[in-house]
C-alpha cells in the first residue's frame, strides 16, 4: 500500500503522521507527504519522501503569517485562521497535491482536517481518502452556542469547493470512509464516541527531529518535583507576561518544584538557575517520563502527550481549539484551566499546587493514560488503514 499524507505546515498536525508512517513502513508499506516544503522539511524524518505543495510566495512565508495571527483572540483569530491561512493554503495546495498524486500514485490519501485540498483532489481522482484529526475540537460541537460562527465556517468551506469546481454538499474535513481521531472519548467526554467510521486511536507518539535537541539531563533535580512549562512553537512569543506570572507563582514552591521552561531566554527574562532550567527547545517526548506535571497552552498534541504519561496539567488556552481542549482537561478532572491573558501568579500557584498535591487530578490523568494505551496509537491507526485495502 502507498499512502500519501496531506498536511498543513503545523508541527502538531505533522507529528502524529510521522508516528503512523513509521508503523506503516515497518509493515512494508510506502509513505510520502505533501505540503509546504519550507516548513515540513524541518518536521519530517531526514529521508522522508516530500512532494511540495502550497509554499507561499513573497518575503516571510508562513513566519510572516504567524506574526500577524499570534496576537489575535476569539472570533478574530478564527476568522484570520480561515480567511488568511486555511482557505488560501487550500487554494495554494491544489495544484501541488494533484501533481503529487500523479507523481507518487498513492492507494490512499490521509488528509489533515486543515489541509482540505487533499480531500478535493482525492474525490476528483476517485481515490479513497481518510481524515487525520489531530485535534478533537470538531468532535465536540464547538459552535453549538455560536451558530452564526459555525455557519460562517461552513460558508467559507462551501466557497472553496465552488471555486475549485467541486461538488457541493459535503465537508472536506470529514471522510465518510475513515476518520482517525488521535484521542479517546475519555478525554472528549461522555457521549462523544461518534459513528463507527470514527476511529479513536489515541495519540500517535514517535520520534521526531526535535527529540535530538541537546538537553542538560544532569541538571534535573532528583529530589524536587519537576514541571515543564511550554506554550508550543506558535504561542510562546505572546507569552512574556505569562512566563513572568509562572515564575512568580513558583517562588513559594522553590524548595519543592523545579521548573523546566521551554522558551527563548529574552522572553522569560533572568531566572535563578537553582530553581529554573531554561532552554529554548527541549526534547519533549523523552523528557515527559521525568516530570510530575505540565503547564501549557492547551495545544492538543502537548496535552495528549502529557496525559499519555499520566501527568496532570495546568492549561492556559490562547486561541483556536485550545479553550475547547482546556475545557476537556478540566471536565475530565485531569487538570485545571487558568487565564493566559492577564495571568495572575496567585491563580497559577493555586492551580499548580493542586495538580501536584491533590490525588484526584493524577488519578484522572492516569485514567486517560490507560484509555490512550488501550486505544493503540499509531499501530491502531495503521490497522485501520490496512483494512481499507
Protein backbone atom coordinates (compact mmCIF):
# COMPACT_ATOMS: atom_id res chain seq x y z
CA UNK A 1 0.00 0.00 0.00
CA UNK A 2 1.20 3.50 -0.87
CA UNK A 3 -0.01 6.23 1.48
CA UNK A 4 0.19 9.96 0.83
CA UNK A 5 -0.17 12.23 3.89
CA UNK A 6 -1.55 15.68 3.06
CA UNK A 7 -0.64 18.06 5.87
CA UNK A 8 -0.51 21.77 6.76
CA UNK A 9 2.70 23.49 7.92
CA UNK A 10 1.99 22.94 11.62
CA UNK A 11 4.08 20.70 13.88
CA UNK A 12 1.13 19.48 15.92
CA UNK A 13 -0.58 18.26 12.75
CA UNK A 14 2.53 16.65 11.28
CA UNK A 15 3.91 14.81 14.33
CA UNK A 16 1.17 12.14 14.58
CA UNK A 17 1.54 11.33 10.88
CA UNK A 18 5.25 10.69 11.40
CA UNK A 19 4.45 8.03 14.02
CA UNK A 20 1.77 6.41 11.84
CA UNK A 21 4.10 6.48 8.83
CA UNK A 22 6.84 4.76 10.82
CA UNK A 23 4.41 1.98 11.76
CA UNK A 24 3.26 1.58 8.17
CA UNK A 25 6.84 1.49 6.91
CA UNK A 26 7.72 -1.21 9.44
CA UNK A 27 4.86 -3.28 7.98
CA UNK A 28 6.23 -2.96 4.46
CA UNK A 29 4.07 -0.12 3.15
CA UNK A 30 5.34 3.02 1.39
CA UNK A 31 4.64 6.53 2.64
CA UNK A 32 5.11 10.11 1.46
CA UNK A 33 3.96 13.58 2.45
CA UNK A 34 2.77 16.62 0.57
CA UNK A 35 2.51 20.15 1.94
CA UNK A 36 4.60 23.32 2.23
CA UNK A 37 8.20 22.13 1.98
CA UNK A 38 9.57 25.31 3.55
CA UNK A 39 8.17 24.13 6.90
CA UNK A 40 7.73 20.38 6.52
CA UNK A 41 11.37 19.74 5.69
CA UNK A 42 12.23 20.63 9.29
CA UNK A 43 9.48 18.47 10.78
CA UNK A 44 9.81 15.22 8.86
CA UNK A 45 12.46 12.49 9.15
CA UNK A 46 15.63 13.16 7.19
CA UNK A 47 14.92 10.72 4.36
CA UNK A 48 11.16 11.30 4.18
CA UNK A 49 9.62 11.48 0.71
CA UNK A 50 8.25 15.03 0.49
CA UNK A 51 6.38 16.40 -2.53
CA UNK A 52 5.99 20.15 -2.17
CA UNK A 53 2.60 21.85 -2.34
CA UNK A 54 1.39 25.18 -1.04
CA UNK A 55 4.64 27.04 -0.38
CA UNK A 56 3.94 30.77 -0.03
CA UNK A 57 5.48 33.36 -2.31
CA UNK A 58 6.98 36.60 -1.06
CA UNK A 59 9.05 37.56 1.96
CA UNK A 60 8.50 35.85 5.27
CA UNK A 61 6.37 32.93 4.10
CA UNK A 62 4.40 31.27 6.88
CA UNK A 63 6.51 33.00 9.52
CA UNK A 64 5.11 36.38 8.44
CA UNK A 65 1.58 34.96 8.50
CA UNK A 66 2.11 33.73 12.05
CA UNK A 67 3.39 37.13 13.10
CA UNK A 68 0.06 38.69 12.10
CA UNK A 69 -2.03 35.94 13.72
CA UNK A 70 -0.33 35.37 17.09
CA UNK A 71 -1.87 38.33 18.95
CA UNK A 72 -5.45 37.69 17.83
CA UNK A 73 -8.03 36.06 20.10
CA UNK A 74 -11.54 34.66 19.92
CA UNK A 75 -13.58 35.16 16.76
CA UNK A 76 -10.92 37.45 15.27
CA UNK A 77 -8.38 34.60 15.48
CA UNK A 78 -10.87 32.14 13.96
CA UNK A 79 -11.65 34.48 11.06
CA UNK A 80 -7.95 35.00 10.42
CA UNK A 81 -7.31 31.26 10.58
CA UNK A 82 -9.84 30.53 7.85
CA UNK A 83 -9.68 33.67 5.71
CA UNK A 84 -5.93 34.28 5.79
CA UNK A 85 -4.49 30.82 6.44
CA UNK A 86 -6.57 27.70 5.77
CA UNK A 87 -8.55 28.75 2.69
CA UNK A 88 -5.52 30.36 0.97
CA UNK A 89 -3.50 27.28 1.94
CA UNK A 90 -6.15 25.04 0.38
CA UNK A 91 -6.09 27.01 -2.87
CA UNK A 92 -2.29 27.10 -2.83
CA UNK A 93 -2.01 23.34 -2.31
CA UNK A 94 -4.43 22.23 -5.03
CA UNK A 95 -2.01 22.09 -7.96
CA UNK A 96 0.80 20.66 -5.85
CA UNK A 97 -1.35 17.92 -4.33
CA UNK A 98 -2.64 16.97 -7.76
CA UNK A 99 0.93 16.79 -9.07
CA UNK A 100 1.95 14.73 -6.03
CA UNK A 101 -0.85 12.25 -6.70
CA UNK A 102 0.28 11.95 -10.32
CA UNK A 103 3.93 11.51 -9.40
CA UNK A 104 3.52 9.20 -6.43
CA UNK A 105 0.43 7.18 -7.36
CA UNK A 106 -0.96 6.61 -3.84
CA UNK A 107 -3.53 3.98 -2.99
CA UNK A 108 -4.98 6.17 -0.23
CA UNK A 109 -4.65 9.77 0.95
CA UNK A 110 -4.56 10.63 4.66
CA UNK A 111 -5.77 14.23 4.76
CA UNK A 112 -5.41 16.54 7.73
CA UNK A 113 -8.55 18.49 8.64
CA UNK A 114 -6.68 21.73 7.96
CA UNK A 115 -5.35 20.65 4.55
CA UNK A 116 -8.69 20.24 2.80
CA UNK A 117 -7.23 20.43 -0.71
CA UNK A 118 -6.30 16.78 -0.27
CA UNK A 119 -9.92 15.73 0.10
CA UNK A 120 -10.94 17.61 -3.04
CA UNK A 121 -8.16 16.06 -5.12
CA UNK A 122 -8.94 12.58 -3.77
CA UNK A 123 -12.58 12.88 -4.79
CA UNK A 124 -11.61 14.36 -8.15
CA UNK A 125 -9.37 11.35 -8.85
CA UNK A 126 -11.68 8.75 -7.31
CA UNK A 127 -9.14 7.80 -4.64
CA UNK A 128 -10.03 6.68 -1.11
CA UNK A 129 -9.19 9.30 1.49
CA UNK A 130 -9.02 9.28 5.27
CA UNK A 131 -9.28 12.19 7.69
CA UNK A 132 -6.41 12.84 10.09
CA UNK A 133 -7.93 14.66 13.09
CA UNK A 134 -5.07 15.91 15.23
CA UNK A 135 -7.39 17.99 17.40
CA UNK A 136 -10.72 16.99 18.92
CA UNK A 137 -12.37 20.42 18.65
CA UNK A 138 -14.52 19.46 15.67
CA UNK A 139 -15.99 16.47 17.54
CA UNK A 140 -17.48 18.41 20.46
CA UNK A 141 -19.94 20.69 18.62
CA UNK A 142 -17.65 23.72 19.08
CA UNK A 143 -20.14 26.22 17.65
CA UNK A 144 -23.23 24.93 19.45
CA UNK A 145 -23.54 28.21 21.36
CA UNK A 146 -22.49 30.33 18.38
CA UNK A 147 -24.46 29.03 15.39
CA UNK A 148 -23.63 32.03 13.19
CA UNK A 149 -19.92 31.31 13.62
CA UNK A 150 -20.46 27.70 12.59
CA UNK A 151 -22.48 28.86 9.58
CA UNK A 152 -19.70 31.26 8.59
CA UNK A 153 -17.09 28.46 8.67
CA UNK A 154 -19.39 26.26 6.57
CA UNK A 155 -19.81 29.11 4.07
CA UNK A 156 -16.02 29.54 3.80
CA UNK A 157 -15.63 25.84 3.01
CA UNK A 158 -18.54 25.91 0.55
CA UNK A 159 -16.96 28.87 -1.22
CA UNK A 160 -13.70 26.99 -1.55
CA UNK A 161 -15.46 23.95 -3.02
CA UNK A 162 -17.32 26.14 -5.50
CA UNK A 163 -14.11 27.90 -6.54
CA UNK A 164 -12.49 24.51 -7.20
CA UNK A 165 -15.45 23.28 -9.24
CA UNK A 166 -16.06 20.56 -6.66
CA UNK A 167 -19.48 19.13 -5.91
CA UNK A 168 -21.37 20.96 -3.17
CA UNK A 169 -22.97 19.45 -0.08
CA UNK A 170 -20.05 17.64 1.58
CA UNK A 171 -17.47 18.58 4.18
CA UNK A 172 -13.80 18.01 3.28
CA UNK A 173 -12.90 17.98 6.98
CA UNK A 174 -14.61 14.59 7.44
CA UNK A 175 -14.09 11.45 5.37
CA UNK A 176 -17.08 9.15 5.09
CA UNK A 177 -14.72 6.15 4.95
CA UNK A 178 -12.47 6.64 7.98
CA UNK A 179 -11.69 9.42 10.45
CA UNK A 180 -8.60 8.87 12.58
CA UNK A 181 -9.07 10.78 15.84
CA UNK A 182 -5.86 10.99 17.85
CA UNK A 183 -7.64 10.99 21.21
CA UNK A 184 -10.20 8.92 23.13
CA UNK A 185 -13.75 9.53 24.39
CA UNK A 186 -12.38 9.54 27.95
CA UNK A 187 -10.86 12.94 27.19
CA UNK A 188 -13.61 14.24 24.92
CA UNK A 189 -16.32 13.43 27.45
CA UNK A 190 -19.23 11.02 27.64
CA UNK A 191 -21.42 10.69 24.59
CA UNK A 192 -18.65 11.70 22.16
CA UNK A 193 -17.89 8.27 20.67
CA UNK A 194 -19.13 9.23 17.19
CA UNK A 195 -20.12 6.99 14.28
CA UNK A 196 -18.46 3.67 13.57
CA UNK A 197 -16.03 5.06 10.99
CA UNK A 198 -14.60 7.46 13.58
CA UNK A 199 -11.62 5.56 14.99
CA UNK A 200 -10.42 6.94 18.33
CA UNK A 201 -6.87 5.65 18.23
CA UNK A 202 -5.34 7.83 20.96
CA UNK A 203 -2.17 9.87 20.47
CA UNK A 204 0.37 8.57 17.97
CA UNK A 205 3.75 9.10 19.59
CA UNK A 206 7.05 8.59 17.84
CA UNK A 207 10.49 10.05 17.35
CA UNK A 208 10.80 13.46 15.72
CA UNK A 209 13.70 15.77 14.80
CA UNK A 210 13.20 17.93 17.91
CA UNK A 211 13.91 14.91 20.12
CA UNK A 212 17.56 15.24 19.15
CA UNK A 213 17.80 18.68 20.82
CA UNK A 214 20.67 18.78 23.32
CA UNK A 215 19.45 18.83 26.90
CA UNK A 216 21.30 19.10 30.24
CA UNK A 217 19.86 15.96 31.77
CA UNK A 218 22.19 16.15 34.78
CA UNK A 219 20.54 19.40 35.84
CA UNK A 220 17.24 17.66 36.58
CA UNK A 221 16.77 17.77 40.33
CA UNK A 222 16.47 14.25 41.78
CA UNK A 223 14.53 15.46 44.84
CA UNK A 224 12.15 18.23 43.82
CA UNK A 225 9.12 17.66 41.62
CA UNK A 226 9.72 18.70 38.02
CA UNK A 227 7.26 20.75 35.99
CA UNK A 228 7.52 21.57 32.29
CA UNK A 229 6.27 24.98 31.11
CA UNK A 230 5.65 25.09 27.37
CA UNK A 231 3.49 27.30 25.16
CA UNK A 232 4.35 25.42 21.98
CA UNK A 233 6.12 26.77 18.93
CA UNK A 234 3.37 29.16 17.79
CA UNK A 235 2.33 30.87 21.02
CA UNK A 236 5.42 31.47 23.09
CA UNK A 237 6.20 34.88 21.56
CA UNK A 238 2.95 36.15 23.07
CA UNK A 239 3.73 34.64 26.47
CA UNK A 240 6.01 37.20 28.13
CA UNK A 241 3.55 38.15 30.87
CA UNK A 242 2.52 34.53 31.36
CA UNK A 243 6.11 33.37 31.89
CA UNK A 244 6.59 36.15 34.45
CA UNK A 245 3.45 35.10 36.32
CA UNK A 246 4.55 31.44 36.34
CA UNK A 247 7.96 32.34 37.75
CA UNK A 248 6.34 34.40 40.50
CA UNK A 249 3.85 31.62 41.20
CA UNK A 250 6.63 29.12 41.82
CA UNK A 251 8.73 31.34 44.07
CA UNK A 252 6.93 29.97 47.14
CA UNK A 253 7.41 26.42 45.86
CA UNK A 254 11.11 26.74 45.04
CA UNK A 255 12.12 24.18 47.66
CA UNK A 256 9.60 21.69 46.25
CA UNK A 257 9.45 22.34 42.49
CA UNK A 258 11.97 22.67 39.68
CA UNK A 259 10.64 24.40 36.54
CA UNK A 260 11.81 23.35 33.09
CA UNK A 261 10.82 26.26 30.83
CA UNK A 262 10.87 25.77 27.05
CA UNK A 263 11.15 29.33 25.73
CA UNK A 264 13.62 31.90 24.40
CA UNK A 265 15.61 33.50 27.21
CA UNK A 266 14.78 37.04 26.09
CA UNK A 267 11.05 36.38 26.56
CA UNK A 268 11.41 34.86 30.00
CA UNK A 269 13.99 37.22 31.42
CA UNK A 270 16.50 36.45 34.17
CA UNK A 271 15.93 33.26 36.16
CA UNK A 272 17.57 31.61 39.13
CA UNK A 273 19.38 28.57 37.78
CA UNK A 274 18.89 26.69 41.03
CA UNK A 275 15.11 26.99 40.53
CA UNK A 276 14.59 27.09 36.77
CA UNK A 277 16.09 25.15 33.89
CA UNK A 278 15.56 27.45 30.91
CA UNK A 279 16.13 26.22 27.36
CA UNK A 280 14.59 27.42 24.11
CA UNK A 281 13.87 23.93 22.80
CA UNK A 282 13.51 20.74 24.81
CA UNK A 283 13.16 17.11 23.64
CA UNK A 284 9.58 16.94 24.93
CA UNK A 285 8.76 13.26 24.46
CA UNK A 286 11.98 11.95 26.06
CA UNK A 287 11.56 14.49 28.87
CA UNK A 288 7.96 13.68 29.83
CA UNK A 289 8.73 10.45 31.77
CA UNK A 290 10.93 12.53 34.12
CA UNK A 291 8.17 15.05 35.01
CA UNK A 292 5.42 15.41 37.59
CA UNK A 293 3.17 17.94 35.83
CA UNK A 294 2.92 20.17 32.76
CA UNK A 295 1.89 23.81 32.38
CA UNK A 296 0.88 24.51 28.77
CA UNK A 297 -1.32 26.41 26.33
CA UNK A 298 -3.79 23.63 25.63
CA UNK A 299 -2.32 22.51 22.31
CA UNK A 300 -3.85 19.13 21.57
CA UNK A 301 -0.52 17.39 20.99
CA UNK A 302 1.09 18.67 24.19
CA UNK A 303 -1.99 17.85 26.25
CA UNK A 304 -2.26 14.32 24.88
CA UNK A 305 1.46 13.67 25.21
CA UNK A 306 1.35 14.73 28.86
CA UNK A 307 -1.72 12.61 29.58
CA UNK A 308 -0.16 9.65 27.77
CA UNK A 309 2.44 9.79 30.55
CA UNK A 310 -0.16 10.18 33.30
CA UNK A 311 0.79 13.81 34.01
CA UNK A 312 -1.79 16.30 35.30
CA UNK A 313 -1.92 19.73 33.67
CA UNK A 314 -2.34 23.42 34.28
CA UNK A 315 -3.77 24.71 31.00
CA UNK A 316 -3.78 28.36 29.87
CA UNK A 317 -5.51 28.38 26.45
CA UNK A 318 -4.62 31.11 23.98
CA UNK A 319 -6.86 30.73 20.88
CA UNK A 320 -8.46 28.43 18.29
CA UNK A 321 -9.18 24.93 19.65
CA UNK A 322 -7.18 25.46 22.84
CA UNK A 323 -10.11 26.63 25.03
CA UNK A 324 -12.03 23.52 23.98
CA UNK A 325 -9.11 21.22 24.80
CA UNK A 326 -8.57 23.02 28.12
CA UNK A 327 -12.22 22.52 29.00
CA UNK A 328 -11.92 18.82 28.16
CA UNK A 329 -8.95 18.50 30.52
CA UNK A 330 -10.77 20.30 33.33
CA UNK A 331 -14.02 18.38 32.80
CA UNK A 332 -12.12 15.08 32.89
CA UNK A 333 -10.53 16.13 36.20
CA UNK A 334 -7.01 15.79 34.78
CA UNK A 335 -6.03 19.41 35.29
CA UNK A 336 -7.01 22.99 35.95
CA UNK A 337 -7.65 25.80 33.50
CA UNK A 338 -6.15 29.24 34.19
CA UNK A 339 -6.09 32.51 32.27
CA UNK A 340 -3.48 33.25 29.64
CA UNK A 341 -4.45 36.88 29.18
CA UNK A 342 -3.90 38.95 32.33
CA UNK A 343 -2.33 35.99 34.15
CA UNK A 344 -2.22 36.08 37.95
CA UNK A 345 0.59 34.49 39.90
CA UNK A 346 -1.70 33.51 42.79
CA UNK A 347 -4.11 31.73 40.43
CA UNK A 348 -1.28 29.78 38.80
CA UNK A 349 0.25 28.98 42.21
CA UNK A 350 -3.05 27.58 43.47
CA UNK A 351 -3.61 25.54 40.31
CA UNK A 352 -0.10 24.12 40.21
CA UNK A 353 -0.18 23.22 43.90
CA UNK A 354 -3.48 21.44 43.35
CA UNK A 355 -2.37 19.31 40.41
CA UNK A 356 0.82 18.37 42.23
CA UNK A 357 -0.75 17.60 45.60
CA UNK A 358 -4.39 16.59 45.03
CA UNK A 359 -4.55 12.87 44.14
CA UNK A 360 -7.76 13.26 42.14
CA UNK A 361 -6.02 15.07 39.29
CA UNK A 362 -3.32 12.44 38.99
CA UNK A 363 -5.89 9.62 39.13
CA UNK A 364 -7.86 11.26 36.32
CA UNK A 365 -4.69 11.73 34.26
CA UNK A 366 -3.82 8.06 34.74
CA UNK A 367 -7.35 7.00 33.75
CA UNK A 368 -6.95 8.85 30.46
CA UNK A 369 -3.43 7.42 30.12
CA UNK A 370 -4.94 3.92 30.35
CA UNK A 371 -7.54 4.77 27.70
CA UNK A 372 -4.80 6.03 25.39
CA UNK A 373 -2.79 2.86 25.84
CA UNK A 374 -5.83 0.69 25.15
CA UNK A 375 -6.68 2.68 22.01
CA UNK A 376 -3.43 1.59 20.38
CA UNK A 377 -1.99 4.81 18.91
CA UNK A 378 0.00 4.53 15.69
CA UNK A 379 -0.44 0.76 15.49
CA UNK A 380 -4.23 1.09 15.70
CA UNK A 381 -4.20 3.79 13.03
CA UNK A 382 -2.12 1.55 10.76
CA UNK A 383 -4.54 -1.34 11.38
CA UNK A 384 -7.48 0.77 10.25
CA UNK A 385 -5.65 1.99 7.16
CA UNK A 386 -4.74 -1.59 6.17
CA UNK A 387 -8.41 -2.56 6.34
CA UNK A 388 -9.15 -0.09 3.53
CA UNK A 389 -7.21 -2.26 1.07
